[in-house]
Amino acid sequence: MPLATKRPRQPAPENRATYQDDFYTWTREQGALLRAGRLNEFDWRNIAEEIETLGRSEFDKLVSFYRLVILRMLKCDHQPGKHTRSWSISIDNHRESAAEVLADNPGLKPRIGEAVTRAYGHARRDAAEETALPIKTFPTACPYTVDEIRDRPFPYE
């Protein structure tokens, strides 16, 4: 089942799959209806929901990439003696992925601050778990600017 909220059952016309019971087949059928121009048979309510879900998933990807960058940054800053080459590579890879999401979705740029805030809450908890340091070791608000998250160097020494 997709991320969208499950809707009440509605009968499917002419033995078609329903959104709730067979999402995969439903998507294929809806695509075929659209290509055939049979818009009067389209499941508009669920199509609209899915389009909105696609947009939310792009924001969620951005948050996820920032979460991983910030996690490694916290670990580097709070355990500098344990900084490894793989941490630096991870930071670079996830920065690149975040940049790609933003390049593909310029409408997300005004939400970067929100994405960082959301990502930091998760990264802070993850950092406490992974380092075995008390959670209070890590500031409650993100200590990094967006520019630092994007560009601060983390060379492996």
Protein backbone atom coordinates (compact mmCIF):
# COMPACT_ATOMS: atom_id res chain seq x y z
CA MET A 1 0.00 0.00 0.00
CA PRO A 2 1.37 3.46 -0.83
CA LEU A 3 2.13 6.11 1.75
CA ALA A 4 -1.25 7.77 1.23
CA THR A 5 -3.96 7.28 3.82
CA LYS A 6 -6.14 4.28 3.10
CA ARG A 7 -9.54 5.38 1.80
CA PRO A 8 -12.89 3.63 2.22
CA ARG A 9 -13.57 0.90 -0.28
CA GLN A 10 -15.32 1.92 -3.47
CA PRO A 11 -16.45 -0.59 -6.05
CA ALA A 12 -14.18 -0.85 -9.06
CA PRO A 13 -15.95 -0.46 -12.40
CA GLU A 14 -15.85 -3.38 -14.81
CA ASN A 15 -13.60 -5.72 -12.81
CA ARG A 16 -10.87 -3.11 -12.40
CA ALA A 17 -8.48 -3.24 -9.50
CA THR A 18 -9.11 -0.92 -6.58
CA TYR A 19 -6.59 1.44 -5.10
CA GLN A 20 -6.99 -0.28 -1.71
CA ASP A 21 -6.80 -3.91 -2.82
CA ASP A 22 -4.20 -4.01 -5.60
CA PHE A 23 -2.19 -0.82 -5.85
CA TYR A 24 0.17 -2.12 -8.52
CA THR A 25 -2.60 -3.20 -10.90
CA TRP A 26 -4.55 -0.02 -10.13
CA THR A 27 -1.57 2.14 -11.19
CA ARG A 28 -1.20 0.21 -14.45
CA GLU A 29 -4.91 0.54 -15.21
CA GLN A 30 -4.95 4.25 -14.38
CA GLY A 31 -1.95 4.82 -16.66
CA ALA A 32 -3.70 2.99 -19.50
CA LEU A 33 -6.88 5.04 -18.99
CA LEU A 34 -4.88 8.27 -19.07
CA ARG A 35 -3.01 7.28 -22.23
CA ALA A 36 -6.30 6.31 -23.88
CA GLY A 37 -7.85 9.65 -22.94
CA ARG A 38 -10.62 7.96 -20.95
CA LEU A 39 -10.57 10.61 -18.24
CA ASN A 40 -14.21 10.07 -17.24
CA GLU A 41 -13.14 6.64 -15.91
CA PHE A 42 -10.15 7.98 -14.00
CA ASP A 43 -9.94 7.56 -10.20
CA TRP A 44 -9.34 11.29 -9.62
CA ARG A 45 -9.44 11.32 -5.81
CA ASN A 46 -6.76 8.66 -5.41
CA ILE A 47 -4.69 10.01 -8.32
CA ALA A 48 -4.59 13.42 -6.62
CA GLU A 49 -3.56 11.77 -3.35
CA GLU A 50 -0.75 9.87 -5.06
CA ILE A 51 0.58 12.97 -6.79
CA GLU A 52 0.75 14.77 -3.44
CA THR A 53 2.46 11.73 -1.92
CA LEU A 54 5.12 11.84 -4.63
CA GLY A 55 5.93 15.42 -3.65
CA ARG A 56 6.15 14.51 0.03
CA SER A 57 8.49 11.64 -0.79
CA GLU A 58 10.94 14.05 -2.46
CA PHE A 59 10.99 16.17 0.70
CA ASP A 60 11.47 13.02 2.79
CA LYS A 61 14.46 12.01 0.62
CA LEU A 62 16.05 15.41 1.24
CA VAL A 63 15.52 15.05 4.99
CA SER A 64 17.04 11.57 4.90
CA PHE A 65 20.19 12.69 3.09
CA TYR A 66 20.64 15.65 5.46
CA ARG A 67 20.10 13.33 8.42
CA LEU A 68 23.00 11.15 7.33
CA VAL A 69 25.29 14.14 6.67
CA ILE A 70 24.49 15.69 10.04
CA LEU A 71 24.92 12.36 11.84
CA ARG A 72 28.44 11.98 10.47
CA MET A 73 29.22 15.63 11.25
CA LEU A 74 28.15 15.15 14.86
CA LYS A 75 30.23 12.01 15.16
CA CYS A 76 33.28 13.74 13.64
CA ASP A 77 32.91 16.70 16.00
CA HIS A 78 32.25 14.66 19.15
CA GLN A 79 34.58 11.75 18.45
CA PRO A 80 37.38 13.23 16.36
CA GLY A 81 39.74 10.41 17.25
CA LYS A 82 37.38 7.91 15.65
CA HIS A 83 36.90 9.83 12.40
CA THR A 84 37.46 7.45 9.53
CA ARG A 85 37.77 7.78 5.80
CA SER A 86 34.35 6.12 5.43
CA TRP A 87 32.74 8.94 7.46
CA SER A 88 34.18 11.53 5.06
CA ILE A 89 33.06 9.49 2.06
CA SER A 90 29.59 9.13 3.55
CA ILE A 91 29.34 12.88 4.09
CA ASP A 92 30.40 13.57 0.50
CA ASN A 93 28.04 10.97 -0.98
CA HIS A 94 25.00 12.14 0.98
CA ARG A 95 25.74 15.79 0.26
CA GLU A 96 25.83 14.94 -3.43
CA SER A 97 22.54 13.07 -3.16
CA ALA A 98 20.88 16.00 -1.34
CA ALA A 99 22.15 18.38 -4.03
CA GLU A 100 20.66 16.12 -6.71
CA VAL A 101 17.27 16.09 -4.99
CA LEU A 102 17.35 19.90 -4.85
CA ALA A 103 18.46 20.18 -8.47
CA ASP A 104 15.62 17.90 -9.56
CA ASN A 105 13.10 19.67 -7.30
CA PRO A 106 13.86 23.42 -7.10
CA GLY A 107 10.55 23.94 -5.30
CA LEU A 108 12.12 22.33 -2.23
CA LYS A 109 14.71 25.11 -1.80
CA PRO A 110 12.44 27.26 0.40
CA ARG A 111 12.01 24.22 2.69
CA ILE A 112 15.72 23.52 3.28
CA GLY A 113 15.58 24.98 6.79
CA GLU A 114 12.62 22.78 7.67
CA ALA A 115 14.40 19.74 6.22
CA VAL A 116 17.52 20.46 8.29
CA THR A 117 15.48 20.92 11.48
CA ARG A 118 13.65 17.66 10.92
CA ALA A 119 16.85 15.82 9.98
CA TYR A 120 18.74 17.12 13.00
CA GLY A 121 16.27 15.69 15.53
CA HIS A 122 16.79 12.22 14.10
CA ALA A 123 20.54 12.65 13.61
CA ARG A 124 20.96 13.80 17.22
CA ARG A 125 19.25 10.66 18.55
CA ASP A 126 21.20 8.44 16.15
CA ALA A 127 24.48 10.09 17.16
CA ALA A 128 23.77 9.47 20.84
CA GLU A 129 23.01 5.82 20.13
CA GLU A 130 25.98 5.23 17.83
CA THR A 131 28.53 7.00 20.02
CA ALA A 132 27.11 5.86 23.38
CA LEU A 133 27.38 9.50 24.50
CA PRO A 134 24.52 11.03 26.50
CA ILE A 135 21.95 12.76 24.30
CA LYS A 136 22.57 16.02 26.19
CA THR A 137 26.10 15.98 24.69
CA PHE A 138 24.49 17.12 21.45
CA PRO A 139 22.79 20.53 21.26
CA THR A 140 19.00 20.51 21.06
CA ALA A 141 19.09 22.74 17.97
CA CYS A 142 21.21 22.04 14.93
CA PRO A 143 24.65 23.60 15.49
CA TYR A 144 25.40 23.75 11.76
CA THR A 145 24.37 26.26 9.13
CA VAL A 146 23.03 25.07 5.82
CA ASP A 147 26.31 26.18 4.22
CA GLU A 148 28.30 24.05 6.69
CA ILE A 149 26.08 21.05 6.03
CA ARG A 150 26.65 21.54 2.30
CA ASP A 151 30.32 22.52 2.22
CA ARG A 152 32.31 22.12 5.42
CA PRO A 153 35.38 20.04 4.60
CA PHE A 154 35.90 16.72 6.36
CA PRO A 155 39.25 15.47 5.16
CA TYR A 156 40.46 12.18 6.47
CA GLU A 157 43.76 12.67 8.24
